[in-house]
Protein backbone atom coordinates (compact mmCIF):
# COMPACT_ATOMS: atom_id res chain seq x y z
CA UNK A 1 21.73 0.50 29.95
CA UNK A 2 22.00 2.81 32.95
CA UNK A 3 19.38 4.11 35.47
CA UNK A 4 20.45 7.66 36.52
CA UNK A 5 19.29 10.51 38.85
CA UNK A 6 18.17 14.04 37.59
CA UNK A 7 21.47 15.06 39.10
CA UNK A 8 23.28 12.12 37.47
CA UNK A 9 21.73 13.10 33.79
CA UNK A 10 22.76 16.91 33.96
CA UNK A 11 25.93 15.61 34.70
CA UNK A 12 26.06 13.33 31.58
CA UNK A 13 24.85 16.25 29.53
CA UNK A 14 27.69 18.53 30.80
CA UNK A 15 30.10 15.85 29.96
CA UNK A 16 28.99 15.66 26.35
CA UNK A 17 29.06 19.19 25.71
CA UNK A 18 32.05 20.10 27.46
CA UNK A 19 34.33 16.91 27.08
CA UNK A 20 32.84 15.13 23.97
CA UNK A 21 32.31 18.44 22.11
CA UNK A 22 28.42 17.94 21.22
CA UNK A 23 26.33 21.09 21.19
CA UNK A 24 23.41 21.29 23.29
CA UNK A 25 21.18 21.86 20.05
CA UNK A 26 22.42 18.64 18.40
CA UNK A 27 21.61 16.92 21.34
CA UNK A 28 18.07 18.26 21.34
CA UNK A 29 17.87 17.64 17.85
CA UNK A 30 18.94 14.16 18.07
CA UNK A 31 16.21 13.59 20.94
CA UNK A 32 13.52 15.42 18.97
CA UNK A 33 14.07 13.46 15.61
CA UNK A 34 14.37 10.23 17.34
CA UNK A 35 11.06 10.63 19.06
CA UNK A 36 9.06 11.85 15.97
CA UNK A 37 10.10 9.11 14.25
CA UNK A 38 8.78 6.49 16.98
CA UNK A 39 5.77 8.55 16.94
CA UNK A 40 5.39 8.32 13.01
CA UNK A 41 5.70 4.55 13.52
CA UNK A 42 2.93 4.52 16.13
CA UNK A 43 0.43 6.84 14.74
CA UNK A 44 -1.54 7.37 11.42
CA UNK A 45 -1.36 10.71 9.32
CA UNK A 46 -4.70 11.20 10.29
CA UNK A 47 -4.13 11.66 13.79
CA UNK A 48 -4.61 15.46 15.13
CA UNK A 49 -1.25 16.24 17.37
CA UNK A 50 -1.04 18.80 19.92
CA UNK A 51 2.43 19.36 21.32
CA UNK A 52 2.54 21.09 24.56
CA UNK A 53 5.91 22.66 25.48
CA UNK A 54 7.51 24.56 28.70
CA UNK A 55 10.72 25.63 29.02
CA UNK A 56 13.83 23.82 29.35
CA UNK A 57 14.89 20.97 27.41
CA UNK A 58 11.69 19.47 27.21
CA UNK A 59 10.11 22.11 25.56
CA UNK A 60 12.81 22.20 23.12
CA UNK A 61 12.54 18.68 22.31
CA UNK A 62 8.93 19.33 21.99
CA UNK A 63 9.97 22.24 19.22
CA UNK A 64 11.97 19.26 17.35
CA UNK A 65 9.32 16.67 17.26
CA UNK A 66 6.71 19.44 15.64
CA UNK A 67 9.20 20.14 12.79
CA UNK A 68 9.59 16.52 11.97
CA UNK A 69 6.06 15.68 12.20
CA UNK A 70 4.72 18.51 10.40
CA UNK A 71 7.33 18.22 7.49
CA UNK A 72 5.76 14.56 7.33
CA UNK A 73 2.44 16.18 6.64
CA UNK A 74 0.82 15.49 10.53
CA UNK A 75 -1.87 17.86 11.32
CA UNK A 76 0.16 19.39 14.10
CA UNK A 77 -0.32 22.35 16.56
CA UNK A 78 2.43 23.54 19.16
CA UNK A 79 0.55 24.74 22.35
CA UNK A 80 3.20 26.77 24.48
CA UNK A 81 2.37 26.74 27.83
CA UNK A 82 4.66 29.30 29.23
CA UNK A 83 5.56 33.15 28.65
CA UNK A 84 7.88 33.76 25.41
CA UNK A 85 10.26 35.18 27.73
CA UNK A 86 11.25 31.68 29.45
CA UNK A 87 11.78 30.15 26.15
CA UNK A 88 15.83 30.16 26.25
CA UNK A 89 19.21 29.01 24.97
CA UNK A 90 18.82 25.71 23.21
CA UNK A 91 15.16 25.48 22.88
CA UNK A 92 15.01 29.16 21.97
CA UNK A 93 17.13 28.11 18.79
CA UNK A 94 14.71 25.59 17.66
CA UNK A 95 11.69 27.27 18.14
CA UNK A 96 13.30 29.71 15.68
CA UNK A 97 13.74 26.92 13.43
CA UNK A 98 10.22 26.19 13.82
CA UNK A 99 8.99 29.64 13.25
CA UNK A 100 11.30 29.57 9.87
CA UNK A 101 9.29 26.84 8.87
CA UNK A 102 5.94 28.51 9.30
CA UNK A 103 4.65 26.49 11.73
CA UNK A 104 2.35 28.66 14.15
CA UNK A 105 3.13 28.50 17.76
CA UNK A 106 -0.03 29.35 20.02
CA UNK A 107 0.95 30.99 23.36
CA UNK A 108 -1.52 29.32 25.82
CA UNK A 109 -1.33 30.48 29.48
CA UNK A 110 -4.48 29.72 30.92
CA UNK A 111 -6.41 26.18 31.58
CA UNK A 112 -9.71 27.52 29.71
CA UNK A 113 -7.69 28.60 26.73
CA UNK A 114 -6.02 24.88 27.06
CA UNK A 115 -9.03 23.27 27.49
CA UNK A 116 -10.43 24.64 24.26
CA UNK A 117 -7.27 24.09 22.11
CA UNK A 118 -7.72 20.36 23.11
CA UNK A 119 -10.73 20.13 21.49
CA UNK A 120 -11.00 17.23 18.69
CA UNK A 121 -7.43 16.52 19.62
CA UNK A 122 -6.33 12.77 18.88
CA UNK A 123 -2.84 13.00 20.18
CA UNK A 124 -1.16 14.74 23.37
CA UNK A 125 2.72 15.24 22.91
CA UNK A 126 3.80 16.22 26.64
CA UNK A 127 6.93 18.36 26.62
CA UNK A 128 6.22 20.60 29.20
CA UNK A 129 8.41 19.74 32.91
CA UNK A 130 11.62 17.79 32.80
CA UNK A 131 13.69 15.84 35.15
CA UNK A 132 13.96 18.95 37.77
CA UNK A 133 10.88 18.71 39.27
CA UNK A 134 11.13 18.24 42.99
CA UNK A 135 8.29 19.64 44.65
CA UNK A 136 4.52 21.44 44.40
CA UNK A 137 3.62 22.53 40.73
CA UNK A 138 2.57 25.74 40.60
CA UNK A 139 -0.56 27.27 38.51
CA UNK A 140 -1.60 27.52 35.88
CA UNK A 141 0.79 24.49 35.26
CA UNK A 142 -0.97 22.39 37.93
CA UNK A 143 -4.81 23.00 36.69
CA UNK A 144 -2.99 22.35 33.03
CA UNK A 145 -1.94 18.75 33.93
CA UNK A 146 -5.42 17.76 35.18
CA UNK A 147 -7.04 18.86 32.18
CA UNK A 148 -4.57 16.87 30.24
CA UNK A 149 -5.33 13.80 32.10
CA UNK A 150 -8.97 14.25 32.09
CA UNK A 151 -8.75 14.13 28.19
CA UNK A 152 -9.82 11.21 25.84
CA UNK A 153 -6.90 11.76 24.15
CA UNK A 154 -3.72 9.27 23.91
CA UNK A 155 -0.77 10.90 25.63
CA UNK A 156 3.03 10.74 24.65
CA UNK A 157 5.64 11.94 27.18
CA UNK A 158 8.69 13.45 26.35
CA UNK A 159 11.52 12.01 29.03
CA UNK A 160 9.38 11.82 32.03
CA UNK A 161 5.75 12.29 32.66
CA UNK A 162 5.32 16.27 33.42
CA UNK A 163 5.28 16.89 37.21
CA UNK A 164 6.66 13.59 38.13
CA UNK A 165 10.20 13.44 40.23
CA UNK A 166 12.96 12.20 38.75
CA UNK A 167 14.58 11.03 41.89
CA UNK A 168 13.11 8.47 44.40
CA UNK A 169 13.34 10.73 47.27
CA UNK A 170 10.50 13.17 46.21
CA UNK A 171 7.13 13.04 46.93
CA UNK A 172 4.23 13.24 43.71
CA UNK A 173 2.16 16.68 43.71
CA UNK A 174 0.64 16.14 40.59
CA UNK A 175 1.82 14.67 37.30
CA UNK A 176 0.80 13.45 33.62
CA UNK A 177 -0.47 9.85 33.13
CA UNK A 178 1.13 9.14 29.84
CA UNK A 179 -0.05 6.06 27.68
CA UNK A 180 4.06 6.01 26.51
CA UNK A 181 6.98 7.78 27.72
CA UNK A 182 9.75 8.40 25.25
CA UNK A 183 12.59 8.45 28.27
CA UNK A 184 15.79 10.30 26.44
CA UNK A 185 19.19 8.56 26.97
CA UNK A 186 18.73 6.78 30.34
CA UNK A 187 15.79 5.83 32.47
CA UNK A 188 15.77 7.87 36.01
CA UNK A 189 14.96 6.13 39.15
CA UNK A 190 11.15 6.91 39.39
CA UNK A 191 10.83 4.57 36.25
CA UNK A 192 11.38 1.72 39.08
CA UNK A 193 9.60 2.68 41.96
CA UNK A 194 5.93 1.47 42.71
CA UNK A 195 4.04 4.51 43.22
CA UNK A 196 5.52 6.11 40.07
CA UNK A 197 6.04 3.89 37.42
CA UNK A 198 2.52 3.54 36.56
CA UNK A 199 2.53 7.19 35.48
CA UNK A 200 5.19 6.15 32.67
CA UNK A 201 2.67 3.72 30.59
CA UNK A 202 4.67 1.91 28.25
CA UNK A 203 8.05 3.35 27.73
CA UNK A 204 11.18 3.08 25.61
CA UNK A 205 14.67 4.57 25.95
CA UNK A 206 15.78 6.96 23.02
CA UNK A 207 19.64 7.21 22.78
CA UNK A 208 20.65 10.54 21.31
CA UNK A 209 24.25 10.01 21.14
CA UNK A 210 25.61 10.63 24.53
CA UNK A 211 29.09 9.32 24.65
CA UNK A 212 29.74 6.10 26.68
CA UNK A 213 32.69 8.25 28.34
CA UNK A 214 29.83 10.45 30.28
CA UNK A 215 28.82 7.70 32.28
CA UNK A 216 32.13 7.21 33.94
CA UNK A 217 31.34 10.23 35.88
CA UNK A 218 28.26 8.90 37.83
CA UNK A 219 27.47 5.77 40.29
CA UNK A 220 27.08 2.93 38.02
CA UNK A 221 23.37 1.75 38.23
CA UNK A 222 21.94 -0.26 35.21
CA UNK A 223 19.46 -2.66 34.27
CA UNK A 224 19.82 -6.65 34.24
CA UNK A 225 18.75 -7.70 31.10
CA UNK A 226 18.42 -10.89 28.68
CA UNK A 227 21.83 -10.45 27.35
CA UNK A 228 23.35 -10.24 30.79
CA UNK A 229 21.35 -13.62 31.41
CA UNK A 230 22.66 -15.39 28.50
CA UNK A 231 26.56 -14.33 29.55
CA UNK A 232 26.43 -15.65 33.13
CA UNK A 233 25.38 -19.08 32.21
CA UNK A 234 28.27 -21.33 32.57
CA UNK A 235 30.13 -22.32 29.47
CA UNK A 236 30.01 -26.39 29.17
CA UNK A 237 33.18 -27.85 27.59
CA UNK A 238 33.19 -30.68 24.81
CA UNK A 239 34.16 -33.29 27.54
CA UNK A 240 32.78 -31.56 30.80
CA UNK A 241 30.49 -33.86 33.14
CA UNK A 242 28.27 -33.33 35.76
CA UNK A 243 31.10 -32.88 38.35
CA UNK A 244 32.50 -29.84 36.31
CA UNK A 245 29.31 -27.50 36.90
CA UNK A 246 29.21 -27.44 40.33
CA UNK A 247 27.22 -28.88 43.14
CA UNK A 248 24.26 -27.01 45.07
CA UNK A 249 22.52 -27.96 47.97
CA UNK A 250 18.70 -26.72 48.73
CA UNK A 251 17.60 -26.80 52.18
CA UNK A 252 14.05 -26.41 53.39
CA UNK A 253 10.50 -27.30 52.86
CA UNK A 254 8.65 -28.64 56.08
CA UNK A 255 6.06 -31.22 55.74
CA UNK A 256 2.99 -30.34 53.67
CA UNK A 257 5.17 -27.32 51.94
CA UNK A 258 7.46 -28.66 49.43
CA UNK A 259 6.73 -26.41 46.45
CA UNK A 260 9.08 -23.62 46.77
CA UNK A 261 12.02 -26.36 47.29
CA UNK A 262 11.16 -28.24 44.42
CA UNK A 263 10.92 -25.12 42.11
CA UNK A 264 14.37 -24.02 43.64
CA UNK A 265 16.28 -27.07 42.86
CA UNK A 266 14.62 -27.50 39.51
CA UNK A 267 15.64 -23.90 38.62
CA UNK A 268 19.37 -24.53 39.85
CA UNK A 269 19.68 -27.61 37.56
CA UNK A 270 17.68 -25.75 34.21
CA UNK A 271 20.08 -23.01 34.96
CA UNK A 272 23.21 -25.23 34.63
CA UNK A 273 24.26 -26.73 37.86
CA UNK A 274 25.54 -30.05 37.33
CA UNK A 275 24.28 -31.73 40.52
CA UNK A 276 21.91 -30.37 43.26
CA UNK A 277 20.91 -32.17 46.01
CA UNK A 278 17.63 -31.36 48.28
CA UNK A 279 17.65 -31.80 51.97
CA UNK A 280 13.98 -31.86 53.48
CA UNK A 281 11.72 -33.83 55.60
CA UNK A 282 11.38 -37.60 54.77
CA UNK A 283 7.59 -37.06 53.37
CA UNK A 284 8.68 -34.41 51.18
CA UNK A 285 11.27 -36.38 48.73
CA UNK A 286 8.71 -38.65 46.84
CA UNK A 287 6.89 -35.52 45.93
CA UNK A 288 9.90 -33.32 45.12
CA UNK A 289 11.16 -36.40 43.04
CA UNK A 290 8.42 -36.47 41.03
CA UNK A 291 8.78 -32.85 40.19
CA UNK A 292 12.53 -33.03 39.88
CA UNK A 293 13.79 -36.41 39.00
CA UNK A 294 17.55 -35.26 38.38
CA UNK A 295 18.16 -34.01 42.02
CA UNK A 296 19.54 -36.28 44.74
CA UNK A 297 18.14 -36.36 48.26
CA UNK A 298 18.91 -36.06 51.77
CA UNK A 299 16.79 -36.61 54.77
CA UNK A 300 16.46 -33.52 57.37
CA UNK A 301 14.40 -35.31 59.67
CA UNK A 302 16.94 -37.13 61.86
CA UNK A 303 20.03 -34.62 61.33
CA UNK A 304 21.02 -32.08 63.84
CA UNK A 305 24.09 -30.47 61.82
CA UNK A 306 24.34 -29.97 58.07
CA UNK A 307 27.54 -30.80 56.34
CA UNK A 308 28.41 -28.24 53.66
CA UNK A 309 31.54 -29.80 52.61
CA UNK A 310 32.00 -30.37 48.81
CA UNK A 311 29.12 -28.11 48.10
CA UNK A 312 29.63 -24.98 45.91
CA UNK A 313 26.59 -23.11 47.08
CA UNK A 314 23.84 -23.39 49.24
CA UNK A 315 19.97 -22.05 49.34
CA UNK A 316 18.25 -22.42 52.75
CA UNK A 317 14.86 -21.45 53.81
CA UNK A 318 12.13 -21.96 51.40
CA UNK A 319 9.01 -23.47 53.44
CA UNK A 320 11.25 -24.55 56.29
CA UNK A 321 9.15 -23.51 58.68
CA UNK A 322 9.55 -21.36 61.92
CA UNK A 323 10.31 -23.34 64.40
CA UNK A 324 13.40 -23.75 66.59
CA UNK A 325 15.13 -26.51 64.78
CA UNK A 326 14.84 -24.41 61.53
CA UNK A 327 16.62 -21.63 62.92
CA UNK A 328 19.44 -23.73 64.17
CA UNK A 329 19.85 -25.00 60.75
CA UNK A 330 20.25 -21.39 59.42
CA UNK A 331 22.75 -20.46 62.23
CA UNK A 332 24.62 -23.91 61.28
CA UNK A 333 24.97 -22.85 57.42
CA UNK A 334 25.80 -19.27 58.55
CA UNK A 335 28.64 -20.41 60.75
CA UNK A 336 30.07 -22.35 57.99
CA UNK A 337 31.93 -19.48 56.09
CA UNK A 338 33.88 -20.86 53.24
CA UNK A 339 30.29 -21.68 51.53
CA UNK A 340 28.02 -18.98 49.58
CA UNK A 341 24.63 -18.93 51.02
CA UNK A 342 20.96 -17.65 49.44
CA UNK A 343 18.83 -17.24 52.04
CA UNK A 344 15.06 -16.81 51.53
CA UNK A 345 11.71 -16.76 52.66
CA UNK A 346 11.39 -18.52 56.19
CA UNK A 347 15.48 -18.38 56.20
CA UNK A 348 15.14 -14.68 56.23
CA UNK A 349 12.71 -14.86 59.29
CA UNK A 350 15.35 -16.67 61.43
CA UNK A 351 17.96 -14.36 60.26
CA UNK A 352 16.73 -11.27 61.95
CA UNK A 353 18.12 -12.59 65.05
CA UNK A 354 21.20 -13.70 63.43
CA UNK A 355 22.28 -10.34 61.34
CA UNK A 356 25.56 -10.04 63.34
CA UNK A 357 26.85 -13.08 61.88
CA UNK A 358 26.57 -11.77 58.43
CA UNK A 359 29.95 -9.46 58.55
CA UNK A 360 31.98 -12.34 59.83
CA UNK A 361 31.63 -14.49 56.79
CA UNK A 362 34.55 -15.13 54.27
CA UNK A 363 32.04 -15.97 51.48
CA UNK A 364 29.22 -14.48 49.87
CA UNK A 365 25.62 -14.30 51.20
CA UNK A 366 22.77 -13.53 49.16
CA UNK A 367 19.49 -12.58 50.77
CA UNK A 368 16.12 -12.49 48.56
CA UNK A 369 13.81 -10.42 50.57
CA UNK A 370 10.37 -9.25 48.79
CA UNK A 371 8.96 -5.85 50.61
CA UNK A 372 7.18 -7.49 53.46
CA UNK A 373 10.44 -9.36 54.44
CA UNK A 374 12.49 -6.21 54.25
CA UNK A 375 10.30 -4.75 56.79
CA UNK A 376 10.83 -7.56 58.90
CA UNK A 377 14.42 -7.43 58.92
CA UNK A 378 14.58 -3.68 59.44
CA UNK A 379 11.84 -3.61 62.10
CA UNK A 380 9.42 -1.58 60.13
CA UNK A 381 6.08 -1.43 58.80
CA UNK A 382 5.66 -2.35 55.55
CA UNK A 383 4.08 0.73 54.31
CA UNK A 384 6.94 2.76 55.91
CA UNK A 385 9.51 0.33 53.70
CA UNK A 386 7.10 1.05 50.41
CA UNK A 387 7.49 4.58 51.27
CA UNK A 388 11.24 4.59 51.57
CA UNK A 389 13.62 5.33 48.59
CA UNK A 390 14.53 1.81 47.85
CA UNK A 391 17.76 2.32 45.90
CA UNK A 392 19.23 3.88 49.02
CA UNK A 393 17.49 1.33 51.45
CA UNK A 394 19.19 -1.49 49.48
CA UNK A 395 22.41 0.15 49.22
CA UNK A 396 22.80 0.99 52.99
CA UNK A 397 21.39 -2.65 54.01
CA UNK A 398 23.87 -4.19 51.95
CA UNK A 399 26.93 -2.16 52.71
CA UNK A 400 26.20 -2.58 56.46
CA UNK A 401 25.45 -6.11 56.39
CA UNK A 402 28.33 -7.05 53.59
CA UNK A 403 25.84 -9.04 51.82
CA UNK A 404 24.01 -9.31 47.97
CA UNK A 405 20.66 -7.93 48.72
CA UNK A 406 17.92 -8.77 46.13
CA UNK A 407 15.13 -6.72 46.79
CA UNK A 408 12.22 -8.33 44.85
CA UNK A 409 9.42 -6.95 43.34
CA UNK A 410 7.87 -5.89 39.71
CA UNK A 411 11.17 -4.33 39.30
CA UNK A 412 13.68 -6.11 41.51
CA UNK A 413 16.77 -4.11 42.88
CA UNK A 414 20.23 -6.12 43.25
CA UNK A 415 22.83 -4.64 45.53
CA UNK A 416 26.46 -5.69 45.83
CA UNK A 417 28.41 -5.40 49.43
CA UNK A 418 30.06 -2.22 47.59
CA UNK A 419 27.03 -0.50 46.63
CA UNK A 420 27.28 -1.79 43.14
CA UNK A 421 23.42 -1.78 41.91
CA UNK A 422 21.26 -3.53 38.88
CA UNK A 423 17.80 -3.50 38.27
CA UNK A 424 15.97 -6.61 37.07
CA UNK A 425 12.68 -5.43 35.13
CA UNK A 426 11.38 -9.06 34.12
CA UNK A 427 8.90 -9.10 37.41
CA UNK A 428 5.26 -9.82 36.51
CA UNK A 429 1.74 -10.32 37.78
CA UNK A 430 2.60 -14.16 37.22
CA UNK A 431 5.16 -14.43 40.08
CA UNK A 432 2.37 -12.86 42.61
CA UNK A 433 1.66 -16.63 43.89
CA UNK A 434 3.08 -18.70 46.91
CA UNK A 435 5.89 -21.15 46.46
CA UNK A 436 7.61 -18.99 43.84
CA UNK A 437 11.36 -18.60 43.77
CA UNK A 438 13.73 -16.96 41.76
CA UNK A 439 17.07 -18.74 41.18
CA UNK A 440 20.21 -16.85 39.96
CA UNK A 441 23.03 -18.93 39.43
CA UNK A 442 25.58 -16.50 38.92
CA UNK A 443 24.97 -12.96 40.42
CA UNK A 444 24.88 -9.86 38.13
CA UNK A 445 28.49 -8.77 39.59
CA UNK A 446 30.04 -11.78 37.94
CA UNK A 447 30.38 -13.82 41.15
CA UNK A 448 29.73 -17.75 40.64
CA UNK A 449 27.98 -17.90 44.08
CA UNK A 450 25.73 -21.36 43.59
CA UNK A 451 26.10 -24.34 41.71
């Protein structure tokens, strides 16, 4: 599943029409029909529905949805929120089909009239504005969106909640707050941003028959899903042994902070590592061993240098503290260029003064900051970072420092040194606690960087 900007989506549609030979009216028919079928599964025929249409493709999808729902016996009324002359092209074609089937279309151009029409409506289907919104919403649509949000009816949006920008680098003026959004063909960037994602409510992507070749025209950003995870796991041969599946080293855990190191080492083993060694303070070893019996242990208390020879991957930083000795360990690990390294937590704190070493490394470096740590690494305030376009920010940082950047959150953005990006959408509130660490045994760009 690819993630697109508004401009990407326009190019995809253009390719499907010009190169794929699929008429725009067919794409609109596919979208409207598929969404109508979803509605039929979700709602009883006793529900009174108001389909609110605007100009453009979203309005055209709304006309198609109305036709299919009406044919199935749903009580539907179609409210056109723009003058007739604004319904053009493919949308005008589908409006005429609806008229031929004797479905009344009511022109509603004022907020007072809309409020009157929404009395006793159970479901509002929002097909008003599409992905091209970038700024202030003008009246009367601005007032109409406010009225829709105030209703007790359930709201279903077509492709994107009306008024919401599709791209990451635009601010919200006012937008529909949908209970569910049926996204046409490909999710847009705003679905994965903290300030815009809540407007979508629950969501589902609806394929409409776009040729896969159309995606060759755009930069590749796609989701990282369960299928990708399963493919990434190392395959075990019948006669393989523990030495066949990589040797990993987990470094960290100052006294009284063993939790994240324990979680990290156990996650590495569960994900398929053959041998894992935990390098930590002596007092931590019995605690971690009780939680992770399969791991081996190395006492860091009296070691001034870490030898990475023989290890296939290293994770460093979890609970290791912010003293000078911990910084020396991070610097020492980075200097050994032939081993892939994951840096997390306190390791990122020390990395701030060592960023210049990253481009010199021959093996991959993986950084796993949350937004607070990203603010620290870039010398910015957290609120500034949260308002920044995360896809662009992550891409620029990864390319500048030649690292794999895993920007953690509800939607984790994973960026390779060449700018290729993926989104892991499995984040949830259960991860919002200290000591939690996500272990990636194989990165989403097919590079085996940890044991």
